[in-house]
Amino acid sequence: MSGESQDWVVEADGLVLRHGDHLAVRSSGFRVPRGTVTAVIGPNGSGKSTLLQAMAGVLTPSSGTLRVFGQPVEQARHQISFVMQSVVYPEGTPMTVRDVVRMGRYPSLGWFRPFRREDRAAVQEAMEQMDVADLAHRHLDELSGGQRQRVYVAQGIAQGHELLMLDEPMTGLDLVSARTIDDLIHAETDHGHSVVLTTHDLDEARAADHVILMGGRVVASGTPGQVLTQENLESVYGLGSIHRPAGTFIDDPECGPGVQVLPESGVVADQAWSDAAESGDAADSAEQAGHRP
């Protein structure tokens, strides 16, 4: 691996992604810096989850190159932990919280080998990090949505990994669960790990180290300041496409999502979200206020 490649956990060039005959992501190139939190943001149908699936090795690219840790994705899967947006278990399945978190050890341990001391320790530590250790013997169908999501994230971090990927991990969660997961995300880099997550929340994206903006392709990739510009947001969300007063677009939990601050008078005016608002793509930062400045 070259010295330059060591700086990037993911590198893509001319990447095209399809679901069957449906073109999900047009030809795109981008890089994800190592040891950082990267937020993939964009409206519904923009290709966020599809891009994450490809980086996790779940979806095979139609064309182009995609490398993780400087090698083809299939060779790096043992270094990747992927937490999906939703996990469906048959209703009534007698699985406890501990059972679900233990499954995170199977990729390295195998399904039938006995757990070692380090495996049990990893499971316990993951449950404590996600504040679900006291629920270890509860069944999944006894938990709230936020508690279940914390269990799924605990399963992901119980797996030995260098790259943690999460698909909209905080969407629709209660404040306690959102803050718990947000703290975990930003603590991962303290251990030298990299994190890539998808989100609808502009505040969450601004709190990341690196941002990838999706609009059927990678529209922009870079620091939050480089990517989350008025021009880029308008190109993806249609912000201000009808009325565009001079000012700076912000996503303020106190004022509500999608507002325009007019510097001349200090007036806060509603900013159109175009089709994104109609499809529920407006950032829900007021409900998920646990993000870092």
C-alpha atoms as a PDB file:
ATOM      1  CA  MET A   1       0.000   0.000   0.000  1.00  0.00           C
ATOM      2  CA  SER A   2       1.392   3.404  -0.896  1.00  0.00           C
ATOM      3  CA  GLY A   3       1.862   6.163   1.662  1.00  0.00           C
ATOM      4  CA  GLU A   4      -0.880   8.174  -0.038  1.00  0.00           C
ATOM      5  CA  SER A   5      -3.373   5.294   0.143  1.00  0.00           C
ATOM      6  CA  GLN A   6      -2.724   4.950   3.866  1.00  0.00           C
ATOM      7  CA  ASP A   7      -4.358   8.368   4.344  1.00  0.00           C
ATOM      8  CA  TRP A   8      -7.666   7.146   2.890  1.00  0.00           C
ATOM      9  CA  VAL A   9      -9.943   4.424   4.211  1.00  0.00           C
ATOM     10  CA  VAL A  10     -12.118   4.413   1.059  1.00  0.00           C
ATOM     11  CA  GLU A  11     -11.170   5.384  -2.505  1.00  0.00           C
ATOM     12  CA  ALA A  12     -13.562   5.318  -5.465  1.00  0.00           C
ATOM     13  CA  ASP A  13     -13.149   6.263  -9.110  1.00  0.00           C
ATOM     14  CA  GLY A  14     -15.819   6.083 -11.820  1.00  0.00           C
ATOM     15  CA  LEU A  15     -18.058   4.168  -9.394  1.00  0.00           C
ATOM     16  CA  VAL A  16     -21.474   3.191 -10.801  1.00  0.00           C
ATOM     17  CA  LEU A  17     -24.056   1.406  -8.637  1.00  0.00           C
ATOM     18  CA  ARG A  18     -27.267  -0.332  -9.684  1.00  0.00           C
ATOM     19  CA  HIS A  19     -30.085  -2.246  -8.073  1.00  0.00           C
ATOM     20  CA  GLY A  20     -30.996  -4.603 -10.886  1.00  0.00           C
ATOM     21  CA  ASP A  21     -31.906  -2.426 -13.872  1.00  0.00           C
ATOM     22  CA  HIS A  22     -32.244   0.701 -11.720  1.00  0.00           C
ATOM     23  CA  LEU A  23     -29.303   3.118 -11.854  1.00  0.00           C
ATOM     24  CA  ALA A  24     -28.888   4.233  -8.238  1.00  0.00           C
ATOM     25  CA  VAL A  25     -25.576   6.118  -8.346  1.00  0.00           C
ATOM     26  CA  ARG A  26     -24.083   7.609 -11.502  1.00  0.00           C
ATOM     27  CA  SER A  27     -20.344   7.610 -12.120  1.00  0.00           C
ATOM     28  CA  SER A  28     -18.666   9.092  -9.056  1.00  0.00           C
ATOM     29  CA  GLY A  29     -15.240   9.495  -7.547  1.00  0.00           C
ATOM     30  CA  PHE A  30     -14.430  10.312  -3.925  1.00  0.00           C
ATOM     31  CA  ARG A  31     -12.123   9.512  -1.021  1.00  0.00           C
ATOM     32  CA  VAL A  32     -12.840   9.045   2.692  1.00  0.00           C
ATOM     33  CA  PRO A  33     -10.043  10.084   5.069  1.00  0.00           C
ATOM     34  CA  ARG A  34      -8.824   7.553   7.599  1.00  0.00           C
ATOM     35  CA  GLY A  35      -9.539   8.012  11.315  1.00  0.00           C
ATOM     36  CA  THR A  36     -12.442  10.435  10.829  1.00  0.00           C
ATOM     37  CA  VAL A  37     -16.228  10.626  10.976  1.00  0.00           C
ATOM     38  CA  THR A  38     -17.684  10.930   7.468  1.00  0.00           C
ATOM     39  CA  ALA A  39     -21.345  11.855   6.968  1.00  0.00           C
ATOM     40  CA  VAL A  40     -23.120  10.919   3.725  1.00  0.00           C
ATOM     41  CA  ILE A  41     -26.061  13.281   3.295  1.00  0.00           C
ATOM     42  CA  GLY A  42     -28.767  13.852   0.695  1.00  0.00           C
ATOM     43  CA  PRO A  43     -32.524  13.543   0.139  1.00  0.00           C
ATOM     44  CA  ASN A  44     -34.410  10.266  -0.134  1.00  0.00           C
ATOM     45  CA  GLY A  45     -33.500   8.378  -3.292  1.00  0.00           C
ATOM     46  CA  SER A  46     -30.191  10.212  -3.677  1.00  0.00           C
ATOM     47  CA  GLY A  47     -28.097   7.042  -3.285  1.00  0.00           C
ATOM     48  CA  LYS A  48     -26.887   7.424   0.309  1.00  0.00           C
ATOM     49  CA  SER A  49     -27.716   3.916   1.518  1.00  0.00           C
ATOM     50  CA  THR A  50     -26.664   2.392  -1.810  1.00  0.00           C
ATOM     51  CA  LEU A  51     -23.237   4.010  -1.527  1.00  0.00           C
ATOM     52  CA  LEU A  52     -22.880   2.737   2.039  1.00  0.00           C
ATOM     53  CA  GLN A  53     -23.842  -0.794   0.960  1.00  0.00           C
ATOM     54  CA  ALA A  54     -21.148  -0.741  -1.706  1.00  0.00           C
ATOM     55  CA  MET A  55     -18.497   0.469   0.735  1.00  0.00           C
ATOM     56  CA  ALA A  56     -19.548  -2.282   3.171  1.00  0.00           C
ATOM     57  CA  GLY A  57     -19.234  -4.948   0.480  1.00  0.00           C
ATOM     58  CA  VAL A  58     -22.956  -5.744   0.452  1.00  0.00           C
ATOM     59  CA  LEU A  59     -23.520  -4.411  -3.077  1.00  0.00           C
ATOM     60  CA  THR A  60     -21.180  -5.143  -5.986  1.00  0.00           C
ATOM     61  CA  PRO A  61     -20.397  -2.089  -8.164  1.00  0.00           C
ATOM     62  CA  SER A  62     -21.581  -2.194 -11.777  1.00  0.00           C
ATOM     63  CA  SER A  63     -18.414  -0.467 -12.932  1.00  0.00           C
ATOM     64  CA  GLY A  64     -15.558   1.636 -11.673  1.00  0.00           C
ATOM     65  CA  THR A  65     -13.149   0.949  -8.830  1.00  0.00           C
ATOM     66  CA  LEU A  66     -13.794   0.888  -5.088  1.00  0.00           C
ATOM     67  CA  ARG A  67     -11.053   0.160  -2.592  1.00  0.00           C
ATOM     68  CA  VAL A  68     -11.212  -0.043   1.197  1.00  0.00           C
ATOM     69  CA  PHE A  69      -7.964   0.091   3.153  1.00  0.00           C
ATOM     70  CA  GLY A  70      -6.187   0.065  -0.203  1.00  0.00           C
ATOM     71  CA  GLN A  71      -7.638  -3.264  -1.326  1.00  0.00           C
ATOM     72  CA  PRO A  72     -10.793  -4.590  -2.990  1.00  0.00           C
ATOM     73  CA  VAL A  73     -13.787  -4.442  -0.658  1.00  0.00           C
ATOM     74  CA  GLU A  74     -14.229  -8.219  -0.490  1.00  0.00           C
ATOM     75  CA  GLN A  75     -10.707  -8.520   0.929  1.00  0.00           C
ATOM     76  CA  ALA A  76     -11.399  -5.892   3.604  1.00  0.00           C
ATOM     77  CA  ARG A  77     -14.745  -7.174   4.910  1.00  0.00           C
ATOM     78  CA  HIS A  78     -13.207  -8.533   8.112  1.00  0.00           C
ATOM     79  CA  GLN A  79     -12.218  -4.946   8.978  1.00  0.00           C
ATOM     80  CA  ILE A  80     -15.716  -3.533   8.379  1.00  0.00           C
ATOM     81  CA  SER A  81     -18.727  -3.514  10.693  1.00  0.00           C
ATOM     82  CA  PHE A  82     -22.006  -2.507   9.034  1.00  0.00           C
ATOM     83  CA  VAL A  83     -25.102  -1.482  11.034  1.00  0.00           C
ATOM     84  CA  MET A  84     -28.140  -1.395   8.761  1.00  0.00           C
ATOM     85  CA  GLN A  85     -30.948   1.142   9.033  1.00  0.00           C
ATOM     86  CA  SER A  86     -33.425  -1.508  10.138  1.00  0.00           C
ATOM     87  CA  VAL A  87     -33.078  -5.126  11.150  1.00  0.00           C
ATOM     88  CA  VAL A  88     -36.140  -7.368  10.953  1.00  0.00           C
ATOM     89  CA  TYR A  89     -36.521 -10.406  13.140  1.00  0.00           C
ATOM     90  CA  PRO A  90     -39.601 -12.642  12.975  1.00  0.00           C
ATOM     91  CA  GLU A  91     -42.132 -11.506  15.573  1.00  0.00           C
ATOM     92  CA  GLY A  92     -41.896 -13.586  18.713  1.00  0.00           C
ATOM     93  CA  THR A  93     -38.340 -14.763  18.032  1.00  0.00           C
ATOM     94  CA  PRO A  94     -36.959 -15.571  21.516  1.00  0.00           C
ATOM     95  CA  MET A  95     -33.786 -13.511  21.130  1.00  0.00           C
ATOM     96  CA  THR A  96     -32.477 -11.538  24.056  1.00  0.00           C
ATOM     97  CA  VAL A  97     -30.397  -8.383  23.873  1.00  0.00           C
ATOM     98  CA  ARG A  98     -27.287 -10.383  24.752  1.00  0.00           C
ATOM     99  CA  ASP A  99     -28.055 -12.913  21.990  1.00  0.00           C
ATOM    100  CA  VAL A 100     -28.236 -10.141  19.387  1.00  0.00           C
ATOM    101  CA  VAL A 101     -25.025  -8.430  20.527  1.00  0.00           C
ATOM    102  CA  ARG A 102     -23.206 -11.788  20.627  1.00  0.00           C
ATOM    103  CA  MET A 103     -23.941 -12.179  16.918  1.00  0.00           C
ATOM    104  CA  GLY A 104     -21.433  -9.398  16.300  1.00  0.00           C
ATOM    105  CA  ARG A 105     -18.664 -11.833  17.205  1.00  0.00           C
ATOM    106  CA  TYR A 106     -19.681 -14.483  14.641  1.00  0.00           C
ATOM    107  CA  PRO A 107     -17.783 -13.035  11.633  1.00  0.00           C
ATOM    108  CA  SER A 108     -14.469 -13.599  13.409  1.00  0.00           C
ATOM    109  CA  LEU A 109     -15.426 -16.526  15.651  1.00  0.00           C
ATOM    110  CA  GLY A 110     -17.750 -18.558  13.463  1.00  0.00           C
ATOM    111  CA  TRP A 111     -21.255 -19.781  14.275  1.00  0.00           C
ATOM    112  CA  PHE A 112     -20.417 -22.904  16.270  1.00  0.00           C
ATOM    113  CA  ARG A 113     -17.124 -22.268  18.049  1.00  0.00           C
ATOM    114  CA  PRO A 114     -17.400 -21.612  21.794  1.00  0.00           C
ATOM    115  CA  PHE A 115     -17.010 -18.047  23.017  1.00  0.00           C
ATOM    116  CA  ARG A 116     -13.645 -17.133  24.447  1.00  0.00           C
ATOM    117  CA  ARG A 117     -13.045 -14.781  27.355  1.00  0.00           C
ATOM    118  CA  GLU A 118     -12.231 -11.921  24.968  1.00  0.00           C
ATOM    119  CA  ASP A 119     -15.469 -12.524  23.050  1.00  0.00           C
ATOM    120  CA  ARG A 120     -17.570 -12.306  26.222  1.00  0.00           C
ATOM    121  CA  ALA A 121     -15.666  -9.185  27.265  1.00  0.00           C
ATOM    122  CA  ALA A 122     -16.260  -7.528  23.882  1.00  0.00           C
ATOM    123  CA  VAL A 123     -20.000  -8.239  24.108  1.00  0.00           C
ATOM    124  CA  GLN A 124     -20.235  -6.874  27.637  1.00  0.00           C
ATOM    125  CA  GLU A 125     -18.243  -3.746  26.778  1.00  0.00           C
ATOM    126  CA  ALA A 126     -20.417  -3.061  23.725  1.00  0.00           C
ATOM    127  CA  MET A 127     -23.612  -3.342  25.780  1.00  0.00           C
ATOM    128  CA  GLU A 128     -22.212  -0.999  28.407  1.00  0.00           C
ATOM    129  CA  GLN A 129     -21.143   1.538  25.779  1.00  0.00           C
ATOM    130  CA  MET A 130     -24.665   1.578  24.360  1.00  0.00           C
ATOM    131  CA  ASP A 131     -26.245   1.593  27.839  1.00  0.00           C
ATOM    132  CA  VAL A 132     -28.176  -1.639  27.270  1.00  0.00           C
ATOM    133  CA  ALA A 133     -26.308  -3.918  29.700  1.00  0.00           C
ATOM    134  CA  ASP A 134     -29.245  -3.767  32.126  1.00  0.00           C
ATOM    135  CA  LEU A 135     -31.469  -5.057  29.299  1.00  0.00           C
ATOM    136  CA  ALA A 136     -29.270  -8.072  28.521  1.00  0.00           C
ATOM    137  CA  HIS A 137     -31.958 -10.649  29.338  1.00  0.00           C
ATOM    138  CA  ARG A 138     -34.876  -8.755  27.795  1.00  0.00           C
ATOM    139  CA  HIS A 139     -36.366  -9.912  24.491  1.00  0.00           C
ATOM    140  CA  LEU A 140     -36.182  -7.603  21.482  1.00  0.00           C
ATOM    141  CA  ASP A 141     -39.964  -7.278  21.219  1.00  0.00           C
ATOM    142  CA  GLU A 142     -40.012  -5.847  24.753  1.00  0.00           C
ATOM    143  CA  LEU A 143     -37.818  -2.887  23.796  1.00  0.00           C
ATOM    144  CA  SER A 144     -38.600   0.571  22.485  1.00  0.00           C
ATOM    145  CA  GLY A 145     -37.385   1.602  19.037  1.00  0.00           C
ATOM    146  CA  GLY A 146     -34.516   3.609  20.514  1.00  0.00           C
ATOM    147  CA  GLN A 147     -33.433   0.736  22.731  1.00  0.00           C
ATOM    148  CA  ARG A 148     -33.469  -1.686  19.792  1.00  0.00           C
ATOM    149  CA  GLN A 149     -31.346   0.665  17.709  1.00  0.00           C
ATOM    150  CA  ARG A 150     -28.790   0.873  20.522  1.00  0.00           C
ATOM    151  CA  VAL A 151     -28.718  -2.933  20.632  1.00  0.00           C
ATOM    152  CA  TYR A 152     -28.009  -3.093  16.883  1.00  0.00           C
ATOM    153  CA  VAL A 153     -25.194  -0.548  17.224  1.00  0.00           C
ATOM    154  CA  ALA A 154     -23.810  -2.567  20.159  1.00  0.00           C
ATOM    155  CA  GLN A 155     -23.779  -5.612  17.880  1.00  0.00           C
ATOM    156  CA  GLY A 156     -21.778  -3.597  15.338  1.00  0.00           C
ATOM    157  CA  ILE A 157     -19.140  -2.403  17.777  1.00  0.00           C
ATOM    158  CA  ALA A 158     -18.840  -5.859  19.388  1.00  0.00           C
ATOM    159  CA  GLN A 159     -17.433  -7.000  16.067  1.00  0.00           C
ATOM    160  CA  GLY A 160     -13.745  -6.331  15.727  1.00  0.00           C
ATOM    161  CA  HIS A 161     -13.466  -3.545  13.162  1.00  0.00           C
ATOM    162  CA  GLU A 162     -11.401  -0.693  11.799  1.00  0.00           C
ATOM    163  CA  LEU A 163     -14.295   0.871   9.871  1.00  0.00           C
ATOM    164  CA  LEU A 164     -17.777   1.291  11.356  1.00  0.00           C
ATOM    165  CA  MET A 165     -20.618   2.013   8.921  1.00  0.00           C
ATOM    166  CA  LEU A 166     -24.087   3.030  10.075  1.00  0.00           C
ATOM    167  CA  ASP A 167     -27.148   3.652   7.905  1.00  0.00           C
ATOM    168  CA  GLU A 168     -29.170   6.539   9.397  1.00  0.00           C
ATOM    169  CA  PRO A 169     -28.399   5.429  12.966  1.00  0.00           C
ATOM    170  CA  MET A 170     -30.233   8.293  14.715  1.00  0.00           C
ATOM    171  CA  THR A 171     -33.283   8.864  12.522  1.00  0.00           C
ATOM    172  CA  GLY A 172     -36.476   9.057  14.585  1.00  0.00           C
ATOM    173  CA  LEU A 173     -34.827   8.160  17.902  1.00  0.00           C
ATOM    174  CA  ASP A 174     -35.541   9.551  21.346  1.00  0.00           C
ATOM    175  CA  LEU A 175     -33.036  12.098  22.615  1.00  0.00           C
ATOM    176  CA  VAL A 176     -31.290   9.712  25.039  1.00  0.00           C
ATOM    177  CA  SER A 177     -30.699   7.068  22.371  1.00  0.00           C
ATOM    178  CA  ALA A 178     -29.585   9.653  19.805  1.00  0.00           C
ATOM    179  CA  ARG A 179     -27.060  11.159  22.208  1.00  0.00           C
ATOM    180  CA  THR A 180     -25.754   7.739  23.239  1.00  0.00           C
ATOM    181  CA  ILE A 181     -25.127   6.749  19.623  1.00  0.00           C
ATOM    182  CA  ASP A 182     -23.722  10.174  18.732  1.00  0.00           C
ATOM    183  CA  ASP A 183     -21.226   9.960  21.613  1.00  0.00           C
ATOM    184  CA  LEU A 184     -20.159   6.505  20.422  1.00  0.00           C
ATOM    185  CA  ILE A 185     -19.678   7.698  16.840  1.00  0.00           C
ATOM    186  CA  HIS A 186     -17.350  10.510  17.851  1.00  0.00           C
ATOM    187  CA  ALA A 187     -15.497   8.320  20.389  1.00  0.00           C
ATOM    188  CA  GLU A 188     -14.646   5.739  17.691  1.00  0.00           C
ATOM    189  CA  THR A 189     -11.980   7.998  16.209  1.00  0.00           C
ATOM    190  CA  ASP A 190     -10.263   8.171  19.609  1.00  0.00           C
ATOM    191  CA  HIS A 191      -9.520   4.463  19.121  1.00  0.00           C
ATOM    192  CA  GLY A 192      -8.135   5.078  15.640  1.00  0.00           C
ATOM    193  CA  HIS A 193     -11.262   3.786  13.908  1.00  0.00           C
ATOM    194  CA  SER A 194     -13.047   5.385  10.956  1.00  0.00           C
ATOM    195  CA  VAL A 195     -16.808   5.966  10.824  1.00  0.00           C
ATOM    196  CA  VAL A 196     -19.067   6.463   7.809  1.00  0.00           C
ATOM    197  CA  LEU A 197     -22.750   7.157   8.406  1.00  0.00           C
ATOM    198  CA  THR A 198     -25.731   8.282   6.359  1.00  0.00           C
ATOM    199  CA  THR A 199     -28.004  11.045   7.594  1.00  0.00           C
ATOM    200  CA  HIS A 200     -30.705  13.551   6.657  1.00  0.00           C
ATOM    201  CA  ASP A 201     -29.596  15.935   9.414  1.00  0.00           C
ATOM    202  CA  LEU A 202     -27.532  18.965   8.386  1.00  0.00           C
ATOM    203  CA  ASP A 203     -26.382  19.539  11.969  1.00  0.00           C
ATOM    204  CA  GLU A 204     -25.121  15.971  12.134  1.00  0.00           C
ATOM    205  CA  ALA A 205     -23.273  16.465   8.858  1.00  0.00           C
ATOM    206  CA  ARG A 206     -21.710  19.713  10.088  1.00  0.00           C
ATOM    207  CA  ALA A 207     -20.448  17.887  13.193  1.00  0.00           C
ATOM    208  CA  ALA A 208     -18.585  15.363  11.019  1.00  0.00           C
ATOM    209  CA  ASP A 209     -14.981  15.691   9.868  1.00  0.00           C
ATOM    210  CA  HIS A 210     -15.801  14.880   6.247  1.00  0.00           C
ATOM    211  CA  VAL A 211     -19.012  15.072   4.207  1.00  0.00           C
ATOM    212  CA  ILE A 212     -20.197  13.378   1.014  1.00  0.00           C
ATOM    213  CA  LEU A 213     -23.226  15.087  -0.576  1.00  0.00           C
ATOM    214  CA  MET A 214     -25.390  12.812  -2.718  1.00  0.00           C
ATOM    215  CA  GLY A 215     -27.801  13.642  -5.506  1.00  0.00           C
ATOM    216  CA  GLY A 216     -27.905  10.502  -7.628  1.00  0.00           C
ATOM    217  CA  ARG A 217     -24.112  10.806  -7.720  1.00  0.00           C
ATOM    218  CA  VAL A 218     -21.436  12.256  -5.463  1.00  0.00           C
ATOM    219  CA  VAL A 219     -22.089  15.973  -5.875  1.00  0.00           C
ATOM    220  CA  ALA A 220     -19.340  17.071  -3.493  1.00  0.00           C
ATOM    221  CA  SER A 221     -16.876  15.495  -1.062  1.00  0.00           C
ATOM    222  CA  GLY A 222     -14.731  17.326   1.463  1.00  0.00           C
ATOM    223  CA  THR A 223     -14.909  19.157   4.764  1.00  0.00           C
ATOM    224  CA  PRO A 224     -18.339  20.394   5.944  1.00  0.00           C
ATOM    225  CA  GLY A 225     -17.347  23.938   5.014  1.00  0.00           C
ATOM    226  CA  GLN A 226     -16.397  22.895   1.501  1.00  0.00           C
ATOM    227  CA  VAL A 227     -19.448  20.705   0.860  1.00  0.00           C
ATOM    228  CA  LEU A 228     -22.416  22.223   2.710  1.00  0.00           C
ATOM    229  CA  THR A 229     -22.466  25.463   0.752  1.00  0.00           C
ATOM    230  CA  GLN A 230     -25.589  27.309  -0.376  1.00  0.00           C
ATOM    231  CA  GLU A 231     -24.863  26.412  -3.991  1.00  0.00           C
ATOM    232  CA  ASN A 232     -24.373  22.706  -3.312  1.00  0.00           C
ATOM    233  CA  LEU A 233     -27.467  22.429  -1.102  1.00  0.00           C
ATOM    234  CA  GLU A 234     -29.588  24.201  -3.700  1.00  0.00           C
ATOM    235  CA  SER A 235     -28.367  21.832  -6.410  1.00  0.00           C
ATOM    236  CA  VAL A 236     -29.484  18.808  -4.385  1.00  0.00           C
ATOM    237  CA  TYR A 237     -32.510  19.994  -2.397  1.00  0.00           C
ATOM    238  CA  GLY A 238     -33.765  22.801  -4.626  1.00  0.00           C
ATOM    239  CA  LEU A 239     -33.417  25.284  -1.785  1.00  0.00           C
ATOM    240  CA  GLY A 240     -34.297  28.811  -2.800  1.00  0.00           C
ATOM    241  CA  SER A 241     -35.129  27.794  -6.350  1.00  0.00           C
ATOM    242  CA  ILE A 242     -38.204  30.047  -6.321  1.00  0.00           C
ATOM    243  CA  HIS A 243     -37.155  32.885  -4.007  1.00  0.00           C
ATOM    244  CA  ARG A 244     -33.545  33.434  -3.091  1.00  0.00           C
ATOM    245  CA  PRO A 245     -33.034  36.437  -0.782  1.00  0.00           C
ATOM    246  CA  ALA A 246     -29.456  37.342   0.097  1.00  0.00           C
ATOM    247  CA  GLY A 247     -28.355  35.556   3.225  1.00  0.00           C
ATOM    248  CA  THR A 248     -26.940  32.367   4.646  1.00  0.00           C
ATOM    249  CA  PHE A 249     -28.808  29.067   4.771  1.00  0.00           C
ATOM    250  CA  ILE A 250     -28.797  27.476   8.209  1.00  0.00           C
ATOM    251  CA  ASP A 251     -30.516  24.529   9.807  1.00  0.00           C
ATOM    252  CA  ASP A 252     -31.387  25.848  13.274  1.00  0.00           C
ATOM    253  CA  PRO A 253     -33.149  23.623  15.828  1.00  0.00           C
ATOM    254  CA  GLU A 254     -34.652  26.722  17.470  1.00  0.00           C
ATOM    255  CA  CYS A 255     -35.976  28.270  14.276  1.00  0.00           C
ATOM    256  CA  GLY A 256     -36.886  25.003  12.560  1.00  0.00           C
ATOM    257  CA  PRO A 257     -35.286  23.221   9.607  1.00  0.00           C
ATOM    258  CA  GLY A 258     -34.639  25.057   6.375  1.00  0.00           C
ATOM    259  CA  VAL A 259     -34.634  28.764   7.261  1.00  0.00           C
ATOM    260  CA  GLN A 260     -32.958  31.745   5.663  1.00  0.00           C
ATOM    261  CA  VAL A 261     -31.362  34.448   7.826  1.00  0.00           C
ATOM    262  CA  LEU A 262     -31.480  37.838   6.147  1.00  0.00           C
ATOM    263  CA  PRO A 263     -28.456  39.853   7.295  1.00  0.00           C
ATOM    264  CA  GLU A 264     -29.958  43.229   6.375  1.00  0.00           C
ATOM    265  CA  SER A 265     -32.732  43.093   8.977  1.00  0.00           C
ATOM    266  CA  GLY A 266     -31.962  40.002  11.029  1.00  0.00           C
ATOM    267  CA  VAL A 267     -35.333  38.594   9.986  1.00  0.00           C
ATOM    268  CA  VAL A 268     -35.717  34.834   9.839  1.00  0.00           C
ATOM    269  CA  ALA A 269     -37.849  33.712   6.908  1.00  0.00           C
ATOM    270  CA  ASP A 270     -39.050  30.265   5.870  1.00  0.00           C
ATOM    271  CA  GLN A 271     -36.931  28.725   3.116  1.00  0.00           C
ATOM    272  CA  ALA A 272     -38.567  26.409   0.585  1.00  0.00           C
ATOM    273  CA  TRP A 273     -37.507  22.796   0.696  1.00  0.00           C
ATOM    274  CA  SER A 274     -38.992  22.034  -2.718  1.00  0.00           C
ATOM    275  CA  ASP A 275     -39.653  18.349  -3.348  1.00  0.00           C
ATOM    276  CA  ALA A 276     -37.387  17.324  -0.479  1.00  0.00           C
ATOM    277  CA  ALA A 277     -39.822  18.680   2.123  1.00  0.00           C
ATOM    278  CA  GLU A 278     -42.788  16.947   0.490  1.00  0.00           C
ATOM    279  CA  SER A 279     -41.012  13.599   0.711  1.00  0.00           C
ATOM    280  CA  GLY A 280     -39.958  14.115   4.334  1.00  0.00           C
ATOM    281  CA  ASP A 281     -36.320  14.891   3.620  1.00  0.00           C
ATOM    282  CA  ALA A 282     -36.127  18.066   5.741  1.00  0.00           C
ATOM    283  CA  ALA A 283     -33.523  17.671   8.490  1.00  0.00           C
ATOM    284  CA  ASP A 284     -35.030  16.714  11.841  1.00  0.00           C
ATOM    285  CA  SER A 285     -32.410  18.421  13.967  1.00  0.00           C
ATOM    286  CA  ALA A 286     -34.909  19.646  16.568  1.00  0.00           C
ATOM    287  CA  GLU A 287     -35.683  16.040  17.521  1.00  0.00           C
ATOM    288  CA  GLN A 288     -32.068  14.886  17.345  1.00  0.00           C
ATOM    289  CA  ALA A 289     -30.389  17.728  19.191  1.00  0.00           C
ATOM    290  CA  GLY A 290     -27.589  15.685  20.691  1.00  0.00           C
ATOM    291  CA  HIS A 291     -25.028  16.603  18.032  1.00  0.00           C
ATOM    292  CA  ARG A 292     -21.758  18.314  18.685  1.00  0.00           C
ATOM    293  CA  PRO A 293     -21.167  21.902  17.603  1.00  0.00           C
END
